[in-house]
Amino acid sequence: MTKPIWPGSGTTSGPRTNVGKNDWAAIYSATSYGERFREIADETVRIESRTNLLFSFEKMAVRDAVRSPRGARYFALGLYDFLYGTDGDRRSLESWCGVLAALPRKQTRVLTWPIATVFGFLARPERHIFLKPNVSRRAADLYGFSFEYQSRPAWPTYASLLKVANAVRTD
């Protein structure tokens, strides 16, 4: 099983930062939101940049999207709700995808499966899985599992991949 490398994850391996779940929750009561949103967006991008999970154009799309104060704010609040919200997995994913779709973009869209799933996987691998379309479809096929893939990020595809992951995990 993959160990989390996210801030506040409680592990001793992986990058350590000063932005944990409690810090994120404090955003809601802080008087100066802008700095905290920027800090969280920058730290999130920095953590992901240490992986090879996203293509360079996807990394650039995320960096561009969170560069503005508005983008950093939407991203930080949306990511917190995705990772720690209490609305359930379906609602959390749908809301997170809505945030990604609304982020500013320069060239490449931000709402892709890899971007939508990488941060959940890095922060909470016991709950989330990373979806790289070609690899995920191929793995499900080789495992003999029906994977209901749609290119636009949405709950039915993610739920299908979670079923595949649970089947692999129990074998």
C-alpha atoms as a PDB file:
ATOM      1  CA  MET A   1       0.000   0.000   0.000  1.00  0.00           C
ATOM      2  CA  THR A   2       1.182   3.512  -0.781  1.00  0.00           C
ATOM      3  CA  LYS A   3       2.184   5.667   2.166  1.00  0.00           C
ATOM      4  CA  PRO A   4       0.748   9.180   2.217  1.00  0.00           C
ATOM      5  CA  ILE A   5       3.219  11.969   1.556  1.00  0.00           C
ATOM      6  CA  TRP A   6       0.822  14.786   2.323  1.00  0.00           C
ATOM      7  CA  PRO A   7       1.276  17.360   5.038  1.00  0.00           C
ATOM      8  CA  GLY A   8      -0.274  16.324   8.320  1.00  0.00           C
ATOM      9  CA  SER A   9      -0.575  12.705   7.181  1.00  0.00           C
ATOM     10  CA  GLY A  10       1.195  11.399  10.263  1.00  0.00           C
ATOM     11  CA  THR A  11       3.884   9.510   8.368  1.00  0.00           C
ATOM     12  CA  THR A  12       7.590  10.007   8.764  1.00  0.00           C
ATOM     13  CA  SER A  13       8.386   9.321   5.113  1.00  0.00           C
ATOM     14  CA  GLY A  14       7.996  11.755   2.274  1.00  0.00           C
ATOM     15  CA  PRO A  15       8.130  15.517   2.190  1.00  0.00           C
ATOM     16  CA  ARG A  16       7.170  17.311   5.380  1.00  0.00           C
ATOM     17  CA  THR A  17       5.584  20.728   5.368  1.00  0.00           C
ATOM     18  CA  ASN A  18       3.925  23.081   7.773  1.00  0.00           C
ATOM     19  CA  VAL A  19       0.473  22.901   6.155  1.00  0.00           C
ATOM     20  CA  GLY A  20      -1.651  20.185   7.733  1.00  0.00           C
ATOM     21  CA  LYS A  21      -5.379  19.529   8.036  1.00  0.00           C
ATOM     22  CA  ASN A  22      -5.702  21.787  11.081  1.00  0.00           C
ATOM     23  CA  ASP A  23      -3.963  24.630   9.257  1.00  0.00           C
ATOM     24  CA  TRP A  24      -6.383  24.266   6.370  1.00  0.00           C
ATOM     25  CA  ALA A  25      -9.352  24.304   8.707  1.00  0.00           C
ATOM     26  CA  ALA A  26      -8.027  27.515  10.238  1.00  0.00           C
ATOM     27  CA  ILE A  27      -8.455  29.216   6.875  1.00  0.00           C
ATOM     28  CA  TYR A  28     -12.153  29.489   7.485  1.00  0.00           C
ATOM     29  CA  SER A  29     -11.586  31.604  10.588  1.00  0.00           C
ATOM     30  CA  ALA A  30      -8.514  33.560   9.471  1.00  0.00           C
ATOM     31  CA  THR A  31      -8.793  37.283   8.917  1.00  0.00           C
ATOM     32  CA  SER A  32      -6.289  37.376   6.055  1.00  0.00           C
ATOM     33  CA  TYR A  33      -7.419  34.659   3.680  1.00  0.00           C
ATOM     34  CA  GLY A  34      -5.271  35.535   0.687  1.00  0.00           C
ATOM     35  CA  GLU A  35      -1.941  34.581   2.203  1.00  0.00           C
ATOM     36  CA  ARG A  36      -3.221  31.254   3.476  1.00  0.00           C
ATOM     37  CA  PHE A  37      -4.816  30.328   0.151  1.00  0.00           C
ATOM     38  CA  ARG A  38      -1.573  31.166  -1.627  1.00  0.00           C
ATOM     39  CA  GLU A  39       0.448  29.127   0.881  1.00  0.00           C
ATOM     40  CA  ILE A  40      -1.764  26.066   0.476  1.00  0.00           C
ATOM     41  CA  ALA A  41      -1.912  26.296  -3.320  1.00  0.00           C
ATOM     42  CA  ASP A  42       1.857  26.723  -3.568  1.00  0.00           C
ATOM     43  CA  GLU A  43       2.566  23.896  -1.145  1.00  0.00           C
ATOM     44  CA  THR A  44       0.163  21.565  -2.935  1.00  0.00           C
ATOM     45  CA  VAL A  45       1.804  22.282  -6.283  1.00  0.00           C
ATOM     46  CA  ARG A  46       5.238  21.794  -4.693  1.00  0.00           C
ATOM     47  CA  ILE A  47       4.255  18.400  -3.224  1.00  0.00           C
ATOM     48  CA  GLU A  48       2.849  17.143  -6.524  1.00  0.00           C
ATOM     49  CA  SER A  49       5.896  18.421  -8.426  1.00  0.00           C
ATOM     50  CA  ARG A  50       8.004  15.838  -6.567  1.00  0.00           C
ATOM     51  CA  THR A  51       6.101  13.044  -8.301  1.00  0.00           C
ATOM     52  CA  ASN A  52       5.978  11.842 -11.888  1.00  0.00           C
ATOM     53  CA  LEU A  53       2.207  11.322 -11.836  1.00  0.00           C
ATOM     54  CA  LEU A  54       1.195  14.305 -13.976  1.00  0.00           C
ATOM     55  CA  PHE A  55       2.499  15.191 -17.415  1.00  0.00           C
ATOM     56  CA  SER A  56       4.394  18.473 -17.624  1.00  0.00           C
ATOM     57  CA  PHE A  57       1.509  20.218 -19.407  1.00  0.00           C
ATOM     58  CA  GLU A  58      -0.836  19.154 -16.573  1.00  0.00           C
ATOM     59  CA  LYS A  59       1.599  20.451 -13.950  1.00  0.00           C
ATOM     60  CA  MET A  60       1.739  23.742 -15.832  1.00  0.00           C
ATOM     61  CA  ALA A  61      -2.061  23.944 -16.037  1.00  0.00           C
ATOM     62  CA  VAL A  62      -2.341  23.588 -12.247  1.00  0.00           C
ATOM     63  CA  ARG A  63       0.404  26.157 -11.603  1.00  0.00           C
ATOM     64  CA  ASP A  64      -1.264  28.621 -13.982  1.00  0.00           C
ATOM     65  CA  ALA A  65      -4.700  28.013 -12.475  1.00  0.00           C
ATOM     66  CA  VAL A  66      -3.624  28.791  -8.907  1.00  0.00           C
ATOM     67  CA  ARG A  67      -1.418  31.756  -9.762  1.00  0.00           C
ATOM     68  CA  SER A  68      -4.179  34.338  -9.272  1.00  0.00           C
ATOM     69  CA  PRO A  69      -5.602  35.050  -5.792  1.00  0.00           C
ATOM     70  CA  ARG A  70      -9.035  33.866  -7.014  1.00  0.00           C
ATOM     71  CA  GLY A  71      -7.596  30.615  -8.399  1.00  0.00           C
ATOM     72  CA  ALA A  72      -5.604  29.955  -5.215  1.00  0.00           C
ATOM     73  CA  ARG A  73      -8.713  30.574  -3.086  1.00  0.00           C
ATOM     74  CA  TYR A  74     -10.999  28.286  -5.110  1.00  0.00           C
ATOM     75  CA  PHE A  75      -8.340  25.614  -5.286  1.00  0.00           C
ATOM     76  CA  ALA A  76      -7.504  25.644  -1.545  1.00  0.00           C
ATOM     77  CA  LEU A  77     -11.118  25.623  -0.382  1.00  0.00           C
ATOM     78  CA  GLY A  78     -12.175  23.043  -2.964  1.00  0.00           C
ATOM     79  CA  LEU A  79      -9.286  20.749  -2.165  1.00  0.00           C
ATOM     80  CA  TYR A  80      -9.968  20.940   1.551  1.00  0.00           C
ATOM     81  CA  ASP A  81     -13.604  19.978   0.968  1.00  0.00           C
ATOM     82  CA  PHE A  82     -12.546  17.144  -1.356  1.00  0.00           C
ATOM     83  CA  LEU A  83     -10.056  15.728   1.132  1.00  0.00           C
ATOM     84  CA  TYR A  84     -11.816  16.313   4.436  1.00  0.00           C
ATOM     85  CA  GLY A  85     -15.439  17.223   3.657  1.00  0.00           C
ATOM     86  CA  THR A  86     -18.330  15.296   5.107  1.00  0.00           C
ATOM     87  CA  ASP A  87     -20.608  15.327   2.058  1.00  0.00           C
ATOM     88  CA  GLY A  88     -19.688  11.773   0.984  1.00  0.00           C
ATOM     89  CA  ASP A  89     -17.397  10.586  -1.776  1.00  0.00           C
ATOM     90  CA  ARG A  90     -19.754  11.261  -4.679  1.00  0.00           C
ATOM     91  CA  ARG A  91     -20.631  14.804  -3.672  1.00  0.00           C
ATOM     92  CA  SER A  92     -17.016  15.596  -2.745  1.00  0.00           C
ATOM     93  CA  LEU A  93     -15.713  14.454  -6.135  1.00  0.00           C
ATOM     94  CA  GLU A  94     -18.440  16.262  -8.060  1.00  0.00           C
ATOM     95  CA  SER A  95     -17.809  19.465  -6.123  1.00  0.00           C
ATOM     96  CA  TRP A  96     -14.024  19.163  -6.626  1.00  0.00           C
ATOM     97  CA  CYS A  97     -14.524  18.670 -10.366  1.00  0.00           C
ATOM     98  CA  GLY A  98     -16.697  21.794 -10.403  1.00  0.00           C
ATOM     99  CA  VAL A  99     -13.893  23.732  -8.732  1.00  0.00           C
ATOM    100  CA  LEU A 100     -11.328  22.478 -11.254  1.00  0.00           C
ATOM    101  CA  ALA A 101     -13.607  23.347 -14.169  1.00  0.00           C
ATOM    102  CA  ALA A 102     -14.039  26.903 -12.811  1.00  0.00           C
ATOM    103  CA  LEU A 103     -10.325  27.594 -12.292  1.00  0.00           C
ATOM    104  CA  PRO A 104      -8.674  30.095 -14.616  1.00  0.00           C
ATOM    105  CA  ARG A 105      -6.838  28.487 -17.507  1.00  0.00           C
ATOM    106  CA  LYS A 106      -4.290  29.669 -20.012  1.00  0.00           C
ATOM    107  CA  GLN A 107      -3.935  26.817 -22.495  1.00  0.00           C
ATOM    108  CA  THR A 108      -4.674  23.357 -21.126  1.00  0.00           C
ATOM    109  CA  ARG A 109      -7.856  22.587 -19.229  1.00  0.00           C
ATOM    110  CA  VAL A 110      -7.481  21.849 -15.557  1.00  0.00           C
ATOM    111  CA  LEU A 111     -10.359  19.377 -15.337  1.00  0.00           C
ATOM    112  CA  THR A 112      -8.708  16.109 -16.359  1.00  0.00           C
ATOM    113  CA  TRP A 113      -8.761  12.762 -14.610  1.00  0.00           C
ATOM    114  CA  PRO A 114      -5.110  12.903 -13.547  1.00  0.00           C
ATOM    115  CA  ILE A 115      -5.472  16.390 -12.040  1.00  0.00           C
ATOM    116  CA  ALA A 116      -8.833  15.581 -10.446  1.00  0.00           C
ATOM    117  CA  THR A 117      -7.452  12.510  -8.679  1.00  0.00           C
ATOM    118  CA  VAL A 118      -3.755  13.096  -7.982  1.00  0.00           C
ATOM    119  CA  PHE A 119      -4.172  15.282  -4.896  1.00  0.00           C
ATOM    120  CA  GLY A 120      -6.658  12.935  -3.221  1.00  0.00           C
ATOM    121  CA  PHE A 121      -4.343  10.007  -3.908  1.00  0.00           C
ATOM    122  CA  LEU A 122      -1.286  11.790  -2.509  1.00  0.00           C
ATOM    123  CA  ALA A 123      -3.101  13.069   0.566  1.00  0.00           C
ATOM    124  CA  ARG A 124      -5.325  10.106   1.399  1.00  0.00           C
ATOM    125  CA  PRO A 125      -4.345   6.968  -0.535  1.00  0.00           C
ATOM    126  CA  GLU A 126      -6.430   4.803   1.786  1.00  0.00           C
ATOM    127  CA  ARG A 127      -9.512   6.613   0.475  1.00  0.00           C
ATOM    128  CA  HIS A 128      -8.635   7.846  -3.021  1.00  0.00           C
ATOM    129  CA  ILE A 129      -7.082   6.379  -6.138  1.00  0.00           C
ATOM    130  CA  PHE A 130      -5.192   8.033  -8.967  1.00  0.00           C
ATOM    131  CA  LEU A 131      -6.789   7.715 -12.377  1.00  0.00           C
ATOM    132  CA  LYS A 132      -4.514   7.862 -15.394  1.00  0.00           C
ATOM    133  CA  PRO A 133      -6.932   6.981 -18.223  1.00  0.00           C
ATOM    134  CA  ASN A 134      -4.916   4.633 -20.433  1.00  0.00           C
ATOM    135  CA  VAL A 135      -3.146   2.880 -17.577  1.00  0.00           C
ATOM    136  CA  SER A 136      -6.352   2.508 -15.535  1.00  0.00           C
ATOM    137  CA  ARG A 137      -8.336   1.122 -18.469  1.00  0.00           C
ATOM    138  CA  ARG A 138      -5.572  -1.314 -19.347  1.00  0.00           C
ATOM    139  CA  ALA A 139      -5.156  -2.486 -15.747  1.00  0.00           C
ATOM    140  CA  ALA A 140      -8.893  -3.049 -15.333  1.00  0.00           C
ATOM    141  CA  ASP A 141      -9.003  -4.948 -18.618  1.00  0.00           C
ATOM    142  CA  LEU A 142      -6.044  -7.168 -17.665  1.00  0.00           C
ATOM    143  CA  TYR A 143      -7.684  -7.836 -14.330  1.00  0.00           C
ATOM    144  CA  GLY A 144     -10.887  -8.830 -16.124  1.00  0.00           C
ATOM    145  CA  PHE A 145     -12.912  -6.047 -14.557  1.00  0.00           C
ATOM    146  CA  SER A 146     -15.491  -3.919 -16.349  1.00  0.00           C
ATOM    147  CA  PHE A 147     -14.352  -0.308 -16.032  1.00  0.00           C
ATOM    148  CA  GLU A 148     -16.981   2.265 -16.992  1.00  0.00           C
ATOM    149  CA  TYR A 149     -14.691   4.987 -18.327  1.00  0.00           C
ATOM    150  CA  GLN A 150     -15.827   8.421 -19.500  1.00  0.00           C
ATOM    151  CA  SER A 151     -13.268  11.040 -20.468  1.00  0.00           C
ATOM    152  CA  ARG A 152     -14.886  13.890 -18.526  1.00  0.00           C
ATOM    153  CA  PRO A 153     -14.322  13.428 -14.797  1.00  0.00           C
ATOM    154  CA  ALA A 154     -17.570  12.335 -13.135  1.00  0.00           C
ATOM    155  CA  TRP A 155     -18.662  10.045 -10.316  1.00  0.00           C
ATOM    156  CA  PRO A 156     -19.661   6.925 -12.325  1.00  0.00           C
ATOM    157  CA  THR A 157     -16.133   6.513 -13.719  1.00  0.00           C
ATOM    158  CA  TYR A 158     -14.460   7.167 -10.376  1.00  0.00           C
ATOM    159  CA  ALA A 159     -16.837   4.797  -8.567  1.00  0.00           C
ATOM    160  CA  SER A 160     -16.044   2.135 -11.157  1.00  0.00           C
ATOM    161  CA  LEU A 161     -12.299   2.585 -10.593  1.00  0.00           C
ATOM    162  CA  LEU A 162     -12.772   2.406  -6.817  1.00  0.00           C
ATOM    163  CA  LYS A 163     -14.498  -0.964  -7.338  1.00  0.00           C
ATOM    164  CA  VAL A 164     -11.530  -2.161  -9.390  1.00  0.00           C
ATOM    165  CA  ALA A 165      -9.131  -0.967  -6.680  1.00  0.00           C
ATOM    166  CA  ASN A 166     -11.125  -2.686  -3.932  1.00  0.00           C
ATOM    167  CA  ALA A 167     -11.164  -5.949  -5.911  1.00  0.00           C
ATOM    168  CA  VAL A 168      -7.391  -5.786  -6.401  1.00  0.00           C
ATOM    169  CA  ARG A 169      -6.861  -4.880  -2.751  1.00  0.00           C
ATOM    170  CA  THR A 170      -8.834  -7.871  -1.492  1.00  0.00           C
ATOM    171  CA  ASP A 171      -7.024 -10.371  -3.750  1.00  0.00           C
END
